[in-house]
Amino acid sequence: LQINRLIKQKKLTQVKVAKLLDIDQP
């Protein structure tokens, strides 16, 4: 929940999040 709040707050796309977290988009 906290991770998803941060992603939403920072207005990051799933592609950007995937790169940042070093995981794939799915």
PDB file of all heavy atoms in Angstrom:
ATOM      1  N   LEU A   1       0.839  -1.201   0.000  1.00  0.00           N
ATOM      2  CA  LEU A   1       0.000   0.000   0.000  1.00  0.00           C
ATOM      3  C   LEU A   1       0.873   1.249   0.000  1.00  0.00           C
ATOM      4  O   LEU A   1       0.648   2.186  -0.770  1.00  0.00           O
ATOM      5  CB  LEU A   1      -0.925  -0.002   1.223  1.00  0.00           C
ATOM      6  CG  LEU A   1      -1.761   1.254   1.443  1.00  0.00           C
ATOM      7  CD1 LEU A   1      -2.785   1.409   0.332  1.00  0.00           C
ATOM      8  CD2 LEU A   1      -2.452   1.197   2.796  1.00  0.00           C
ATOM      9  N   GLN A   2       1.911   1.252   0.837  1.00  0.00           N
ATOM     10  CA  GLN A   2       2.808   2.403   0.903  1.00  0.00           C
ATOM     11  C   GLN A   2       3.566   2.577  -0.412  1.00  0.00           C
ATOM     12  O   GLN A   2       3.727   3.693  -0.899  1.00  0.00           O
ATOM     13  CB  GLN A   2       3.790   2.256   2.077  1.00  0.00           C
ATOM     14  CG  GLN A   2       4.718   3.430   2.267  1.00  0.00           C
ATOM     15  CD  GLN A   2       4.002   4.706   2.685  1.00  0.00           C
ATOM     16  OE1 GLN A   2       2.804   4.719   2.945  1.00  0.00           O
ATOM     17  NE2 GLN A   2       4.722   5.791   2.746  1.00  0.00           N
ATOM     18  N   ILE A   3       4.030   1.483  -0.992  1.00  0.00           N
ATOM     19  CA  ILE A   3       4.736   1.552  -2.281  1.00  0.00           C
ATOM     20  C   ILE A   3       3.816   2.155  -3.337  1.00  0.00           C
ATOM     21  O   ILE A   3       4.215   3.067  -4.072  1.00  0.00           O
ATOM     22  CB  ILE A   3       5.228   0.149  -2.703  1.00  0.00           C
ATOM     23  CG1 ILE A   3       6.351  -0.314  -1.763  1.00  0.00           C
ATOM     24  CG2 ILE A   3       5.692   0.145  -4.155  1.00  0.00           C
ATOM     25  CD1 ILE A   3       6.665  -1.796  -1.847  1.00  0.00           C
ATOM     26  N   ASN A   4       2.589   1.677  -3.398  1.00  0.00           N
ATOM     27  CA  ASN A   4       1.647   2.172  -4.396  1.00  0.00           C
ATOM     28  C   ASN A   4       1.262   3.636  -4.153  1.00  0.00           C
ATOM     29  O   ASN A   4       1.071   4.394  -5.100  1.00  0.00           O
ATOM     30  CB  ASN A   4       0.419   1.267  -4.468  1.00  0.00           C
ATOM     31  CG  ASN A   4       0.738  -0.051  -5.140  1.00  0.00           C
ATOM     32  OD1 ASN A   4       1.328  -0.074  -6.218  1.00  0.00           O
ATOM     33  ND2 ASN A   4       0.371  -1.146  -4.512  1.00  0.00           N
ATOM     34  N   ARG A   5       1.181   4.039  -2.893  1.00  0.00           N
ATOM     35  CA  ARG A   5       0.923   5.457  -2.586  1.00  0.00           C
ATOM     36  C   ARG A   5       2.068   6.335  -3.091  1.00  0.00           C
ATOM     37  O   ARG A   5       1.846   7.402  -3.651  1.00  0.00           O
ATOM     38  CB  ARG A   5       0.755   5.655  -1.081  1.00  0.00           C
ATOM     39  CG  ARG A   5      -0.558   5.229  -0.530  1.00  0.00           C
ATOM     40  CD  ARG A   5      -0.587   5.454   0.978  1.00  0.00           C
ATOM     41  NE  ARG A   5      -1.858   5.076   1.555  1.00  0.00           N
ATOM     42  CZ  ARG A   5      -2.064   4.953   2.852  1.00  0.00           C
ATOM     43  NH1 ARG A   5      -1.075   5.174   3.714  1.00  0.00           N
ATOM     44  NH2 ARG A   5      -3.248   4.605   3.307  1.00  0.00           N
ATOM     45  N   LEU A   6       3.296   5.875  -2.859  1.00  0.00           N
ATOM     46  CA  LEU A   6       4.466   6.636  -3.302  1.00  0.00           C
ATOM     47  C   LEU A   6       4.502   6.750  -4.826  1.00  0.00           C
ATOM     48  O   LEU A   6       4.780   7.823  -5.371  1.00  0.00           O
ATOM     49  CB  LEU A   6       5.757   5.981  -2.806  1.00  0.00           C
ATOM     50  CG  LEU A   6       6.029   6.100  -1.316  1.00  0.00           C
ATOM     51  CD1 LEU A   6       7.069   5.086  -0.874  1.00  0.00           C
ATOM     52  CD2 LEU A   6       6.462   7.511  -0.971  1.00  0.00           C
ATOM     53  N   ILE A   7       4.214   5.659  -5.508  1.00  0.00           N
ATOM     54  CA  ILE A   7       4.196   5.661  -6.972  1.00  0.00           C
ATOM     55  C   ILE A   7       3.154   6.652  -7.483  1.00  0.00           C
ATOM     56  O   ILE A   7       3.425   7.438  -8.391  1.00  0.00           O
ATOM     57  CB  ILE A   7       3.930   4.233  -7.505  1.00  0.00           C
ATOM     58  CG1 ILE A   7       5.136   3.330  -7.214  1.00  0.00           C
ATOM     59  CG2 ILE A   7       3.597   4.258  -8.990  1.00  0.00           C
ATOM     60  CD1 ILE A   7       4.866   1.850  -7.413  1.00  0.00           C
ATOM     61  N   LYS A   8       1.978   6.619  -6.881  1.00  0.00           N
ATOM     62  CA  LYS A   8       0.904   7.539  -7.288  1.00  0.00           C
ATOM     63  C   LYS A   8       1.277   8.984  -6.979  1.00  0.00           C
ATOM     64  O   LYS A   8       1.092   9.875  -7.793  1.00  0.00           O
ATOM     65  CB  LYS A   8      -0.394   7.160  -6.586  1.00  0.00           C
ATOM     66  CG  LYS A   8      -1.579   7.990  -7.028  1.00  0.00           C
ATOM     67  CD  LYS A   8      -2.857   7.528  -6.362  1.00  0.00           C
ATOM     68  CE  LYS A   8      -4.019   8.382  -6.832  1.00  0.00           C
ATOM     69  NZ  LYS A   8      -5.285   7.986  -6.184  1.00  0.00           N
ATOM     70  N   GLN A   9       1.817   9.206  -5.781  1.00  0.00           N
ATOM     71  CA  GLN A   9       2.194  10.557  -5.371  1.00  0.00           C
ATOM     72  C   GLN A   9       3.248  11.141  -6.302  1.00  0.00           C
ATOM     73  O   GLN A   9       3.201  12.311  -6.653  1.00  0.00           O
ATOM     74  CB  GLN A   9       2.722  10.542  -3.940  1.00  0.00           C
ATOM     75  CG  GLN A   9       3.146  11.914  -3.447  1.00  0.00           C
ATOM     76  CD  GLN A   9       3.929  11.836  -2.154  1.00  0.00           C
ATOM     77  OE1 GLN A   9       4.716  10.926  -1.953  1.00  0.00           O
ATOM     78  NE2 GLN A   9       3.714  12.796  -1.288  1.00  0.00           N
ATOM     79  N   LYS A  10       4.181  10.311  -6.718  1.00  0.00           N
ATOM     80  CA  LYS A  10       5.274  10.767  -7.576  1.00  0.00           C
ATOM     81  C   LYS A  10       4.893  10.744  -9.057  1.00  0.00           C
ATOM     82  O   LYS A  10       5.701  11.107  -9.913  1.00  0.00           O
ATOM     83  CB  LYS A  10       6.519   9.910  -7.317  1.00  0.00           C
ATOM     84  CG  LYS A  10       7.038  10.065  -5.891  1.00  0.00           C
ATOM     85  CD  LYS A  10       8.106   9.046  -5.571  1.00  0.00           C
ATOM     86  CE  LYS A  10       8.495   9.037  -4.115  1.00  0.00           C
ATOM     87  NZ  LYS A  10       8.885  10.293  -3.544  1.00  0.00           N
ATOM     88  N   LYS A  11       3.661  10.301  -9.337  1.00  0.00           N
ATOM     89  CA  LYS A  11       3.123  10.272 -10.701  1.00  0.00           C
ATOM     90  C   LYS A  11       4.037   9.509 -11.654  1.00  0.00           C
ATOM     91  O   LYS A  11       4.331   9.947 -12.757  1.00  0.00           O
ATOM     92  CB  LYS A  11       2.848  11.687 -11.201  1.00  0.00           C
ATOM     93  CG  LYS A  11       1.831  12.424 -10.358  1.00  0.00           C
ATOM     94  CD  LYS A  11       1.613  13.838 -10.823  1.00  0.00           C
ATOM     95  CE  LYS A  11       0.635  14.520  -9.871  1.00  0.00           C
ATOM     96  NZ  LYS A  11       0.566  15.936 -10.062  1.00  0.00           N
ATOM     97  N   LEU A  12       4.484   8.330 -11.208  1.00  0.00           N
ATOM     98  CA  LEU A  12       5.368   7.499 -12.012  1.00  0.00           C
ATOM     99  C   LEU A  12       4.552   6.509 -12.841  1.00  0.00           C
ATOM    100  O   LEU A  12       3.558   5.962 -12.357  1.00  0.00           O
ATOM    101  CB  LEU A  12       6.330   6.718 -11.112  1.00  0.00           C
ATOM    102  CG  LEU A  12       7.277   7.541 -10.247  1.00  0.00           C
ATOM    103  CD1 LEU A  12       8.030   6.650  -9.275  1.00  0.00           C
ATOM    104  CD2 LEU A  12       8.247   8.306 -11.121  1.00  0.00           C
ATOM    105  N   THR A  13       4.981   6.259 -14.061  1.00  0.00           N
ATOM    106  CA  THR A  13       4.353   5.233 -14.878  1.00  0.00           C
ATOM    107  C   THR A  13       4.885   3.871 -14.447  1.00  0.00           C
ATOM    108  O   THR A  13       5.939   3.778 -13.807  1.00  0.00           O
ATOM    109  CB  THR A  13       4.678   5.433 -16.372  1.00  0.00           C
ATOM    110  OG1 THR A  13       6.095   5.248 -16.558  1.00  0.00           O
ATOM    111  CG2 THR A  13       4.259   6.820 -16.854  1.00  0.00           C
ATOM    112  N   GLN A  14       4.186   2.814 -14.836  1.00  0.00           N
ATOM    113  CA  GLN A  14       4.649   1.476 -14.491  1.00  0.00           C
ATOM    114  C   GLN A  14       5.998   1.178 -15.138  1.00  0.00           C
ATOM    115  O   GLN A  14       6.828   0.497 -14.552  1.00  0.00           O
ATOM    116  CB  GLN A  14       3.614   0.425 -14.892  1.00  0.00           C
ATOM    117  CG  GLN A  14       2.407   0.421 -13.981  1.00  0.00           C
ATOM    118  CD  GLN A  14       1.525  -0.795 -14.173  1.00  0.00           C
ATOM    119  OE1 GLN A  14       1.769  -1.641 -15.025  1.00  0.00           O
ATOM    120  NE2 GLN A  14       0.475  -0.872 -13.374  1.00  0.00           N
ATOM    121  N   VAL A  15       6.238   1.719 -16.322  1.00  0.00           N
ATOM    122  CA  VAL A  15       7.521   1.511 -16.998  1.00  0.00           C
ATOM    123  C   VAL A  15       8.648   2.165 -16.194  1.00  0.00           C
ATOM    124  O   VAL A  15       9.707   1.575 -15.976  1.00  0.00           O
ATOM    125  CB  VAL A  15       7.477   2.047 -18.445  1.00  0.00           C
ATOM    126  CG1 VAL A  15       8.849   2.008 -19.091  1.00  0.00           C
ATOM    127  CG2 VAL A  15       6.466   1.255 -19.270  1.00  0.00           C
ATOM    128  N   LYS A  16       8.412   3.404 -15.724  1.00  0.00           N
ATOM    129  CA  LYS A  16       9.429   4.101 -14.921  1.00  0.00           C
ATOM    130  C   LYS A  16       9.662   3.380 -13.596  1.00  0.00           C
ATOM    131  O   LYS A  16      10.796   3.257 -13.140  1.00  0.00           O
ATOM    132  CB  LYS A  16       9.014   5.550 -14.668  1.00  0.00           C
ATOM    133  CG  LYS A  16       9.130   6.437 -15.884  1.00  0.00           C
ATOM    134  CD  LYS A  16       8.731   7.866 -15.562  1.00  0.00           C
ATOM    135  CE  LYS A  16       8.802   8.739 -16.802  1.00  0.00           C
ATOM    136  NZ  LYS A  16       8.358  10.121 -16.530  1.00  0.00           N
ATOM    137  N   VAL A  17       8.586   2.900 -12.992  1.00  0.00           N
ATOM    138  CA  VAL A  17       8.703   2.173 -11.725  1.00  0.00           C
ATOM    139  C   VAL A  17       9.505   0.891 -11.935  1.00  0.00           C
ATOM    140  O   VAL A  17      10.379   0.555 -11.131  1.00  0.00           O
ATOM    141  CB  VAL A  17       7.309   1.850 -11.132  1.00  0.00           C
ATOM    142  CG1 VAL A  17       7.427   0.934  -9.924  1.00  0.00           C
ATOM    143  CG2 VAL A  17       6.579   3.129 -10.763  1.00  0.00           C
ATOM    144  N   ALA A  18       9.236   0.197 -13.031  1.00  0.00           N
ATOM    145  CA  ALA A  18       9.956  -1.043 -13.331  1.00  0.00           C
ATOM    146  C   ALA A  18      11.454  -0.783 -13.434  1.00  0.00           C
ATOM    147  O   ALA A  18      12.262  -1.530 -12.880  1.00  0.00           O
ATOM    148  CB  ALA A  18       9.428  -1.657 -14.623  1.00  0.00           C
ATOM    149  N   LYS A  19      11.835   0.290 -14.114  1.00  0.00           N
ATOM    150  CA  LYS A  19      13.260   0.626 -14.232  1.00  0.00           C
ATOM    151  C   LYS A  19      13.852   0.982 -12.878  1.00  0.00           C
ATOM    152  O   LYS A  19      14.946   0.543 -12.531  1.00  0.00           O
ATOM    153  CB  LYS A  19      13.454   1.786 -15.217  1.00  0.00           C
ATOM    154  CG  LYS A  19      13.254   1.385 -16.660  1.00  0.00           C
ATOM    155  CD  LYS A  19      13.420   2.560 -17.597  1.00  0.00           C
ATOM    156  CE  LYS A  19      13.117   2.147 -19.031  1.00  0.00           C
ATOM    157  NZ  LYS A  19      13.154   3.293 -19.947  1.00  0.00           N
ATOM    158  N   LEU A  20      13.131   1.779 -12.119  1.00  0.00           N
ATOM    159  CA  LEU A  20      13.615   2.214 -10.816  1.00  0.00           C
ATOM    160  C   LEU A  20      13.792   1.038  -9.851  1.00  0.00           C
ATOM    161  O   LEU A  20      14.786   0.951  -9.127  1.00  0.00           O
ATOM    162  CB  LEU A  20      12.658   3.244 -10.203  1.00  0.00           C
ATOM    163  CG  LEU A  20      13.004   3.781  -8.828  1.00  0.00           C
ATOM    164  CD1 LEU A  20      14.284   4.602  -8.868  1.00  0.00           C
ATOM    165  CD2 LEU A  20      11.865   4.615  -8.289  1.00  0.00           C
ATOM    166  N   LEU A  21      12.829   0.110  -9.856  1.00  0.00           N
ATOM    167  CA  LEU A  21      12.865  -1.023  -8.930  1.00  0.00           C
ATOM    168  C   LEU A  21      13.609  -2.225  -9.497  1.00  0.00           C
ATOM    169  O   LEU A  21      13.743  -3.246  -8.817  1.00  0.00           O
ATOM    170  CB  LEU A  21      11.438  -1.434  -8.547  1.00  0.00           C
ATOM    171  CG  LEU A  21      10.564  -0.365  -7.898  1.00  0.00           C
ATOM    172  CD1 LEU A  21       9.213  -0.935  -7.522  1.00  0.00           C
ATOM    173  CD2 LEU A  21      11.237   0.290  -6.705  1.00  0.00           C
ATOM    174  N   ASP A  22      14.070  -2.117 -10.728  1.00  0.00           N
ATOM    175  CA  ASP A  22      14.817  -3.177 -11.411  1.00  0.00           C
ATOM    176  C   ASP A  22      13.998  -4.474 -11.505  1.00  0.00           C
ATOM    177  O   ASP A  22      14.482  -5.565 -11.204  1.00  0.00           O
ATOM    178  CB  ASP A  22      16.164  -3.422 -10.725  1.00  0.00           C
ATOM    179  CG  ASP A  22      17.129  -4.222 -11.601  1.00  0.00           C
ATOM    180  OD1 ASP A  22      17.000  -4.129 -12.837  1.00  0.00           O
ATOM    181  OD2 ASP A  22      17.971  -4.947 -11.048  1.00  0.00           O
ATOM    182  N   ILE A  23      12.719  -4.310 -11.884  1.00  0.00           N
ATOM    183  CA  ILE A  23      11.838  -5.446 -12.130  1.00  0.00           C
ATOM    184  C   ILE A  23      11.135  -5.203 -13.459  1.00  0.00           C
ATOM    185  O   ILE A  23      11.208  -4.103 -14.006  1.00  0.00           O
ATOM    186  CB  ILE A  23      10.796  -5.637 -10.990  1.00  0.00           C
ATOM    187  CG1 ILE A  23       9.924  -4.393 -10.811  1.00  0.00           C
ATOM    188  CG2 ILE A  23      11.488  -6.023  -9.696  1.00  0.00           C
ATOM    189  CD1 ILE A  23       8.811  -4.546  -9.773  1.00  0.00           C
ATOM    190  N   ASP A  24      10.449  -6.217 -13.970  1.00  0.00           N
ATOM    191  CA  ASP A  24       9.737  -6.000 -15.230  1.00  0.00           C
ATOM    192  C   ASP A  24       8.353  -5.387 -14.952  1.00  0.00           C
ATOM    193  O   ASP A  24       7.834  -5.458 -13.840  1.00  0.00           O
ATOM    194  CB  ASP A  24       9.658  -7.273 -16.070  1.00  0.00           C
ATOM    195  CG  ASP A  24       8.976  -8.435 -15.366  1.00  0.00           C
ATOM    196  OD1 ASP A  24       8.324  -8.220 -14.333  1.00  0.00           O
ATOM    197  OD2 ASP A  24       9.096  -9.567 -15.861  1.00  0.00           O
ATOM    198  N   GLN A  25       7.777  -4.776 -15.989  1.00  0.00           N
ATOM    199  CA  GLN A  25       6.512  -4.065 -15.841  1.00  0.00           C
ATOM    200  C   GLN A  25       5.365  -4.957 -15.360  1.00  0.00           C
ATOM    201  O   GLN A  25       4.559  -4.515 -14.534  1.00  0.00           O
ATOM    202  CB  GLN A  25       6.161  -3.356 -17.158  1.00  0.00           C
ATOM    203  CG  GLN A  25       4.902  -2.526 -17.121  1.00  0.00           C
ATOM    204  CD  GLN A  25       3.650  -3.356 -17.383  1.00  0.00           C
ATOM    205  OE1 GLN A  25       3.674  -4.310 -18.157  1.00  0.00           O
ATOM    206  NE2 GLN A  25       2.568  -3.000 -16.717  1.00  0.00           N
ATOM    207  N   PRO A  26       5.250  -6.217 -15.821  1.00  0.00           N
ATOM    208  CA  PRO A  26       4.165  -7.054 -15.293  1.00  0.00           C
ATOM    209  C   PRO A  26       4.226  -7.256 -13.776  1.00  0.00           C
ATOM    210  O   PRO A  26       3.195  -7.343 -13.119  1.00  0.00           O
ATOM    211  CB  PRO A  26       4.350  -8.384 -16.036  1.00  0.00           C
ATOM    212  CG  PRO A  26       4.995  -7.993 -17.327  1.00  0.00           C
ATOM    213  CD  PRO A  26       5.928  -6.865 -16.954  1.00  0.00           C
TER     214      PRO A  26
END
